[in-house]
Amino acid sequence: MKKLFGLLSMLLLITVLAACGNGDAESSSGNDESASEGGGETKTIKAGIGLNSDHPQYKGLLKFKEIVEEKTDGAIEVETYHSGQLGDDRSMTEALQLGSQEVVIPSTAPLANFVPEFSVFDIPFLFPNEEVADKVLDGEVGQELLGKLEEQNLVGLAYWENGFRDLTNSERAVASVDDFDGLKIRTMENDLHLDAFKALGANPTPMAFTELFTAMQQGTVDGQENPYATIYLQKFYEVQKHVSDTHHIYSPFVFLMSKSFYDGLTEEQQKIMKDAAVEAGEYERKLNREANEKYLEKLQEEGMEYTEITDEARQEMVDAVAPVIEDYKSKIGEETVDKVYQAIEDAQK
């Protein structure tokens, strides 16, 4: 009797375990089916920027993540990296070409090393204001330039904003061309930037952004040039005394995606990527403009001496770099330069 009871108990246990196993199998099958309906396995985007987590650019990247993950029902996840955790703009762009990273949002200056025509946006004193820049970048000529990136195994999805670049230094107030004389200024790795600062009388020194604070702290360079938001959020006021509203270059960001990754997406997912990059870019531009106004005040509160450039002094700067611009027209492509100038003229009508 005991043997019979034991046998029945064992059979009952096996039945229960089998039922539980079937339940788990159905759950697993259901998950696989859901993933299949969402476009297969979950895809991961590694997205990196050089600026820190407080910058509007990173907040824009978080907005992109939010939109993509919501619109794809989690079929595509976005991992975000700030502060150069994945490298500088150039090395991250190269990683996109190799397919080892999916997204980076560099300025146009280092991007010109891959597509020379992007140097057109590094022409000093090109854009009069942000509204004109928006119209040109989002218009025909801006989109045409994004299309050239595919030859470099890159996909340009949208323009974001770094903003007007302004000069800081630890030596003296810069109010005129003469004040640039001999200043060691860190610039990005861009020949047009280097030659423009030489024409102004400065001693430009290219270096990675991640090395800049230490270089200014140790006196390797006297100063640098970036928008107010970057200057404040990177705490450059701790090692810089003077800031001038030179507004010498309007610097866009370009939202880049690896072409090999993009080509592996469905048409629907590609559209989501494009729409998300544009929507997050509009959000980032708004934040950036609000931040730049606020951070100029904060820089002065932190003890930086602010110098406003007069119209006459700015015109002297424009005249000083004019020969450089003329020399670079052929390197950039005269057709591209002419198209951009025409688009700027049209945008101001």
Protein backbone atom coordinates (compact mmCIF):
# COMPACT_ATOMS: atom_id res chain seq x y z
CA MET A 1 0.00 0.00 0.00
CA LYS A 2 2.84 2.34 0.87
CA LYS A 3 4.53 1.46 -2.44
CA LEU A 4 1.33 2.24 -4.32
CA PHE A 5 0.92 5.56 -2.52
CA GLY A 6 4.54 6.45 -3.29
CA LEU A 7 4.08 5.60 -6.97
CA LEU A 8 0.92 7.72 -7.21
CA SER A 9 2.68 10.65 -5.50
CA MET A 10 5.57 10.44 -7.98
CA LEU A 11 3.19 10.38 -10.95
CA LEU A 12 1.34 13.40 -9.56
CA LEU A 13 4.63 15.31 -9.12
CA ILE A 14 5.70 14.53 -12.71
CA THR A 15 2.34 15.75 -14.02
CA VAL A 16 2.63 19.05 -12.11
CA LEU A 17 6.20 19.62 -13.32
CA ALA A 18 5.19 18.90 -16.90
CA ALA A 19 2.34 21.38 -16.66
CA CYS A 20 4.70 24.03 -15.30
CA GLY A 21 7.15 23.29 -18.11
CA ASN A 22 4.44 23.74 -20.73
CA GLY A 23 3.47 27.05 -19.19
CA ASP A 24 7.07 28.29 -19.36
CA ALA A 25 7.38 27.16 -22.96
CA GLU A 26 4.27 29.09 -23.94
CA SER A 27 5.61 32.20 -22.19
CA SER A 28 8.96 31.90 -23.95
CA SER A 29 7.27 31.28 -27.29
CA GLY A 30 5.10 34.31 -26.72
CA ASN A 31 8.17 36.50 -26.06
CA ASP A 32 9.91 35.24 -29.17
CA GLU A 33 6.83 35.93 -31.24
CA SER A 34 6.60 39.44 -29.81
CA ALA A 35 10.26 40.10 -30.60
CA SER A 36 9.71 38.76 -34.11
CA GLU A 37 6.77 41.09 -34.64
CA GLY A 38 8.96 43.96 -33.43
CA GLY A 39 11.60 43.20 -36.08
CA GLY A 40 13.57 40.26 -34.57
CA GLU A 41 16.16 40.46 -31.81
CA THR A 42 16.53 43.65 -29.83
CA LYS A 43 19.05 45.98 -31.49
CA THR A 44 21.33 48.22 -29.44
CA ILE A 45 22.56 51.66 -30.40
CA LYS A 46 25.71 52.92 -28.68
CA ALA A 47 25.45 56.72 -28.90
CA GLY A 48 28.34 58.88 -27.75
CA ILE A 49 29.16 62.59 -27.46
CA GLY A 50 32.17 64.52 -26.19
CA LEU A 51 30.31 66.96 -23.92
CA ASN A 52 29.12 66.24 -20.39
CA SER A 53 25.75 65.11 -19.08
CA ASP A 54 24.57 68.64 -18.23
CA HIS A 55 24.94 69.95 -21.77
CA PRO A 56 21.83 70.42 -23.98
CA GLN A 57 23.41 68.03 -26.48
CA TYR A 58 23.21 65.17 -23.98
CA LYS A 59 19.65 66.08 -23.02
CA GLY A 60 18.81 65.97 -26.71
CA LEU A 61 20.40 62.54 -26.92
CA LEU A 62 18.21 61.34 -24.04
CA LYS A 63 15.19 62.68 -25.96
CA PHE A 64 16.29 60.66 -29.00
CA LYS A 65 16.56 57.56 -26.81
CA GLU A 66 13.09 58.15 -25.39
CA ILE A 67 11.48 58.55 -28.82
CA VAL A 68 13.24 55.57 -30.41
CA GLU A 69 12.53 53.14 -27.61
CA GLU A 70 8.90 54.20 -27.44
CA LYS A 71 8.29 54.14 -31.20
CA THR A 72 9.98 50.75 -31.66
CA ASP A 73 8.28 49.20 -28.61
CA GLY A 74 11.70 48.42 -27.20
CA ALA A 75 12.93 46.59 -30.31
CA ILE A 76 15.77 49.12 -30.45
CA GLU A 77 17.52 50.21 -27.27
CA VAL A 78 19.77 53.28 -27.04
CA GLU A 79 22.78 53.32 -24.73
CA THR A 80 24.04 56.88 -24.15
CA TYR A 81 27.62 57.89 -23.38
CA HIS A 82 28.80 61.43 -22.57
CA SER A 83 32.06 63.18 -21.68
CA GLY A 84 34.09 61.40 -24.35
CA GLN A 85 33.59 57.99 -22.74
CA LEU A 86 33.79 56.38 -26.18
CA GLY A 87 36.48 58.74 -27.53
CA ASP A 88 36.62 62.14 -29.21
CA ASP A 89 34.43 63.16 -32.15
CA ARG A 90 36.87 61.95 -34.77
CA SER A 91 37.57 58.55 -33.23
CA MET A 92 33.85 57.96 -32.64
CA THR A 93 33.10 58.88 -36.26
CA GLU A 94 35.72 56.35 -37.36
CA ALA A 95 34.06 53.79 -35.09
CA LEU A 96 30.79 54.39 -36.97
CA GLN A 97 32.58 53.71 -40.25
CA LEU A 98 33.88 50.43 -38.84
CA GLY A 99 30.47 49.48 -37.46
CA SER A 100 31.68 49.24 -33.85
CA GLN A 101 29.51 52.20 -32.76
CA GLU A 102 26.13 53.33 -34.04
CA VAL A 103 25.66 57.06 -33.27
CA VAL A 104 27.79 60.14 -32.68
CA ILE A 105 26.90 63.85 -32.94
CA PRO A 106 30.09 65.74 -33.87
CA SER A 107 30.60 69.34 -34.84
CA THR A 108 31.12 69.99 -38.55
CA ALA A 109 34.79 70.95 -38.03
CA PRO A 110 36.19 67.43 -37.40
CA LEU A 111 33.62 66.04 -39.82
CA ALA A 112 35.32 68.02 -42.60
CA ASN A 113 38.17 65.51 -42.35
CA PHE A 114 35.76 62.96 -43.84
CA VAL A 115 33.73 65.18 -46.20
CA PRO A 116 35.68 68.36 -47.11
CA GLU A 117 32.53 70.23 -48.17
CA PHE A 118 31.46 70.44 -44.52
CA SER A 119 34.24 73.01 -44.08
CA VAL A 120 31.82 75.52 -45.57
CA PHE A 121 30.17 75.80 -42.15
CA ASP A 122 33.53 76.67 -40.63
CA ILE A 123 33.88 79.82 -42.70
CA PRO A 124 34.26 82.60 -40.13
CA PHE A 125 31.37 85.02 -39.72
CA LEU A 126 29.19 83.02 -42.15
CA PHE A 127 25.79 83.08 -40.41
CA PRO A 128 24.30 86.31 -39.02
CA ASN A 129 22.01 84.52 -36.51
CA GLU A 130 20.54 81.17 -35.50
CA GLU A 131 17.29 81.58 -37.45
CA VAL A 132 19.15 81.94 -40.75
CA ALA A 133 21.36 78.98 -39.85
CA ASP A 134 18.26 76.82 -39.24
CA LYS A 135 16.79 77.67 -42.64
CA VAL A 136 20.02 76.89 -44.48
CA LEU A 137 20.86 73.69 -42.61
CA ASP A 138 17.35 72.27 -42.80
CA GLY A 139 16.94 73.42 -46.39
CA GLU A 140 18.09 72.01 -49.71
CA VAL A 141 21.80 72.78 -49.48
CA GLY A 142 22.10 71.44 -45.93
CA GLN A 143 20.35 68.20 -46.81
CA GLU A 144 22.48 67.84 -49.94
CA LEU A 145 25.59 67.91 -47.77
CA LEU A 146 24.16 65.24 -45.46
CA GLY A 147 23.76 63.02 -48.51
CA LYS A 148 27.50 63.14 -49.19
CA LEU A 149 28.16 61.28 -45.94
CA GLU A 150 26.99 57.94 -47.36
CA GLU A 151 30.20 57.73 -49.41
CA GLN A 152 32.01 57.56 -46.06
CA ASN A 153 29.79 54.77 -44.69
CA LEU A 154 27.92 57.33 -42.58
CA VAL A 155 24.30 58.48 -42.55
CA GLY A 156 23.51 62.08 -41.63
CA LEU A 157 20.03 62.25 -40.13
CA ALA A 158 19.75 65.84 -38.86
CA TYR A 159 21.52 69.00 -37.77
CA TRP A 160 21.65 69.90 -34.10
CA GLU A 161 23.29 72.98 -32.59
CA ASN A 162 26.55 73.69 -30.86
CA GLY A 163 26.07 77.40 -31.41
CA PHE A 164 28.12 80.52 -31.96
CA ARG A 165 31.68 80.04 -30.81
CA ASP A 166 33.19 82.72 -28.57
CA LEU A 167 36.71 83.30 -27.34
CA THR A 168 38.06 82.90 -23.81
CA ASN A 169 41.61 83.32 -22.56
CA SER A 170 43.62 83.84 -19.39
CA GLU A 171 45.84 86.68 -20.65
CA ARG A 172 43.83 89.77 -21.63
CA ALA A 173 40.51 91.13 -22.86
CA VAL A 174 40.04 90.66 -26.60
CA ALA A 175 38.15 93.58 -28.12
CA SER A 176 39.90 93.97 -31.48
CA VAL A 177 42.09 92.15 -34.00
CA ASP A 178 45.22 93.49 -32.30
CA ASP A 179 44.28 91.72 -29.07
CA PHE A 180 44.62 88.28 -30.72
CA ASP A 181 48.34 88.82 -31.23
CA GLY A 182 50.37 85.85 -29.96
CA LEU A 183 47.57 84.19 -27.98
CA LYS A 184 47.89 80.41 -27.88
CA ILE A 185 44.35 79.30 -28.69
CA ARG A 186 43.17 75.70 -28.71
CA THR A 187 41.16 74.89 -31.83
CA MET A 188 39.59 71.79 -33.27
CA GLU A 189 41.51 69.73 -35.83
CA ASN A 190 40.40 71.79 -38.80
CA ASP A 191 42.72 73.54 -41.24
CA LEU A 192 40.31 76.39 -41.92
CA HIS A 193 40.02 77.15 -38.20
CA LEU A 194 43.80 77.05 -37.84
CA ASP A 195 44.46 79.37 -40.77
CA ALA A 196 41.69 81.79 -39.73
CA PHE A 197 43.19 82.21 -36.25
CA LYS A 198 46.65 82.67 -37.76
CA ALA A 199 45.20 85.44 -39.94
CA LEU A 200 43.84 87.08 -36.78
CA GLY A 201 47.33 87.00 -35.28
CA ALA A 202 46.82 84.14 -32.78
CA ASN A 203 48.86 80.97 -32.37
CA PRO A 204 46.27 78.19 -32.86
CA THR A 205 46.93 74.78 -31.30
CA PRO A 206 44.70 71.81 -32.18
CA MET A 207 44.08 69.24 -29.47
CA ALA A 208 41.40 66.83 -28.28
CA PHE A 209 38.60 68.43 -26.30
CA THR A 210 39.14 65.99 -23.44
CA GLU A 211 42.67 67.40 -22.95
CA LEU A 212 41.66 71.07 -23.02
CA PHE A 213 40.95 71.86 -19.36
CA THR A 214 44.30 70.49 -18.22
CA ALA A 215 46.10 72.30 -21.05
CA MET A 216 44.63 75.64 -19.97
CA GLN A 217 45.27 74.88 -16.32
CA GLN A 218 48.94 74.15 -17.01
CA GLY A 219 49.38 77.08 -19.41
CA THR A 220 50.01 74.91 -22.46
CA VAL A 221 47.43 77.11 -24.20
CA ASP A 222 46.14 80.55 -23.22
CA GLY A 223 42.56 80.03 -24.26
CA GLN A 224 39.95 78.34 -26.39
CA GLU A 225 36.75 79.03 -28.34
CA ASN A 226 33.37 77.43 -27.72
CA PRO A 227 29.75 78.42 -27.09
CA TYR A 228 28.86 79.78 -23.65
CA ALA A 229 27.09 76.59 -22.58
CA THR A 230 30.20 74.52 -23.17
CA ILE A 231 32.45 77.10 -21.50
CA TYR A 232 30.31 77.11 -18.36
CA LEU A 233 29.43 73.43 -18.09
CA GLN A 234 33.06 72.38 -18.58
CA LYS A 235 33.98 74.86 -15.81
CA PHE A 236 36.50 76.67 -18.00
CA TYR A 237 35.88 79.75 -15.85
CA GLU A 238 38.10 78.09 -13.25
CA VAL A 239 41.14 78.49 -15.54
CA GLN A 240 40.07 81.39 -17.80
CA LYS A 241 39.67 85.09 -16.96
CA HIS A 242 38.29 86.72 -20.12
CA VAL A 243 35.38 85.98 -22.47
CA SER A 244 34.54 87.92 -25.66
CA ASP A 245 31.45 87.61 -27.84
CA THR A 246 33.46 87.15 -31.02
CA HIS A 247 30.72 84.95 -32.50
CA HIS A 248 33.34 84.06 -35.09
CA ILE A 249 31.80 80.75 -36.15
CA TYR A 250 28.34 79.23 -35.91
CA SER A 251 28.96 75.56 -35.22
CA PRO A 252 26.29 72.96 -36.04
CA PHE A 253 26.28 69.40 -34.75
CA VAL A 254 25.56 66.62 -37.24
CA PHE A 255 23.60 63.60 -36.04
CA LEU A 256 25.45 60.64 -37.55
CA MET A 257 24.54 56.98 -37.72
CA SER A 258 26.63 54.07 -38.93
CA LYS A 259 25.51 53.19 -42.46
CA SER A 260 25.99 49.48 -41.87
CA PHE A 261 23.65 49.66 -38.86
CA TYR A 262 21.13 51.91 -40.63
CA ASP A 263 21.02 49.64 -43.69
CA GLY A 264 20.20 46.71 -41.40
CA LEU A 265 17.01 48.39 -40.17
CA THR A 266 13.55 48.00 -41.68
CA GLU A 267 12.17 50.96 -43.65
CA GLU A 268 9.83 51.70 -40.75
CA GLN A 269 12.73 51.70 -38.28
CA GLN A 270 14.79 53.94 -40.57
CA LYS A 271 11.95 56.46 -40.63
CA ILE A 272 11.75 56.33 -36.84
CA MET A 273 15.50 57.05 -36.63
CA LYS A 274 15.19 60.04 -38.98
CA ASP A 275 12.10 61.48 -37.31
CA ALA A 276 13.57 60.98 -33.83
CA ALA A 277 16.85 62.69 -34.79
CA VAL A 278 14.95 65.68 -36.20
CA GLU A 279 12.52 65.98 -33.28
CA ALA A 280 15.26 65.58 -30.66
CA GLY A 281 17.34 68.11 -32.60
CA GLU A 282 14.60 70.73 -32.45
CA TYR A 283 14.39 70.12 -28.71
CA GLU A 284 18.17 70.40 -28.34
CA ARG A 285 18.33 73.66 -30.31
CA LYS A 286 15.70 75.22 -28.04
CA LEU A 287 17.52 74.10 -24.89
CA ASN A 288 20.87 75.25 -26.27
CA ARG A 289 19.67 78.78 -27.04
CA GLU A 290 18.11 79.16 -23.63
CA ALA A 291 21.27 77.79 -22.03
CA ASN A 292 23.66 80.11 -23.85
CA GLU A 293 21.79 83.19 -22.64
CA LYS A 294 21.75 81.88 -19.09
CA TYR A 295 25.35 80.70 -19.03
CA LEU A 296 26.84 84.01 -20.18
CA GLU A 297 25.38 85.54 -17.03
CA LYS A 298 26.70 82.67 -14.93
CA LEU A 299 30.19 83.03 -16.39
CA GLN A 300 30.26 86.63 -15.25
CA GLU A 301 28.93 85.61 -11.83
CA GLU A 302 31.88 83.22 -11.60
CA GLY A 303 34.26 86.14 -12.14
CA MET A 304 34.95 86.13 -15.88
CA GLU A 305 35.35 89.55 -17.48
CA TYR A 306 33.02 89.93 -20.48
CA THR A 307 34.01 92.00 -23.53
CA GLU A 308 31.40 92.91 -26.14
CA ILE A 309 32.76 93.21 -29.67
CA THR A 310 31.64 96.36 -31.51
CA ASP A 311 30.39 96.21 -35.09
CA GLU A 312 33.51 98.04 -36.25
CA ALA A 313 35.85 95.64 -34.45
CA ARG A 314 34.00 92.62 -35.83
CA GLN A 315 34.29 94.01 -39.35
CA GLU A 316 38.06 94.28 -38.84
CA MET A 317 38.07 90.59 -37.96
CA VAL A 318 35.98 89.79 -41.03
CA ASP A 319 38.46 91.70 -43.21
CA ALA A 320 41.43 89.91 -41.61
CA VAL A 321 40.13 86.44 -42.47
CA ALA A 322 38.77 87.33 -45.93
CA PRO A 323 41.94 86.15 -47.77
CA VAL A 324 41.76 82.81 -45.95
CA ILE A 325 38.16 82.30 -47.07
CA GLU A 326 39.12 83.09 -50.65
CA ASP A 327 41.95 80.52 -50.51
CA TYR A 328 39.64 77.84 -49.15
CA LYS A 329 36.85 78.23 -51.68
CA SER A 330 38.50 75.83 -54.11
CA LYS A 331 39.36 73.35 -51.33
CA ILE A 332 35.79 73.31 -50.04
CA GLY A 333 34.28 73.46 -53.51
CA GLU A 334 33.30 76.79 -55.06
CA GLU A 335 29.89 75.42 -56.02
CA THR A 336 29.16 74.44 -52.41
CA VAL A 337 30.35 77.80 -51.06
CA ASP A 338 28.26 79.71 -53.61
CA LYS A 339 25.17 77.62 -52.82
CA VAL A 340 25.49 78.27 -49.09
CA TYR A 341 25.99 82.01 -49.53
CA GLN A 342 22.96 82.11 -51.83
CA ALA A 343 20.89 80.13 -49.32
CA ILE A 344 21.90 82.59 -46.58
CA GLU A 345 20.87 85.50 -48.75
CA ASP A 346 17.52 83.86 -49.55
CA ALA A 347 16.92 83.07 -45.86
CA GLN A 348 17.23 86.72 -44.93
CA LYS A 349 14.58 87.92 -47.40
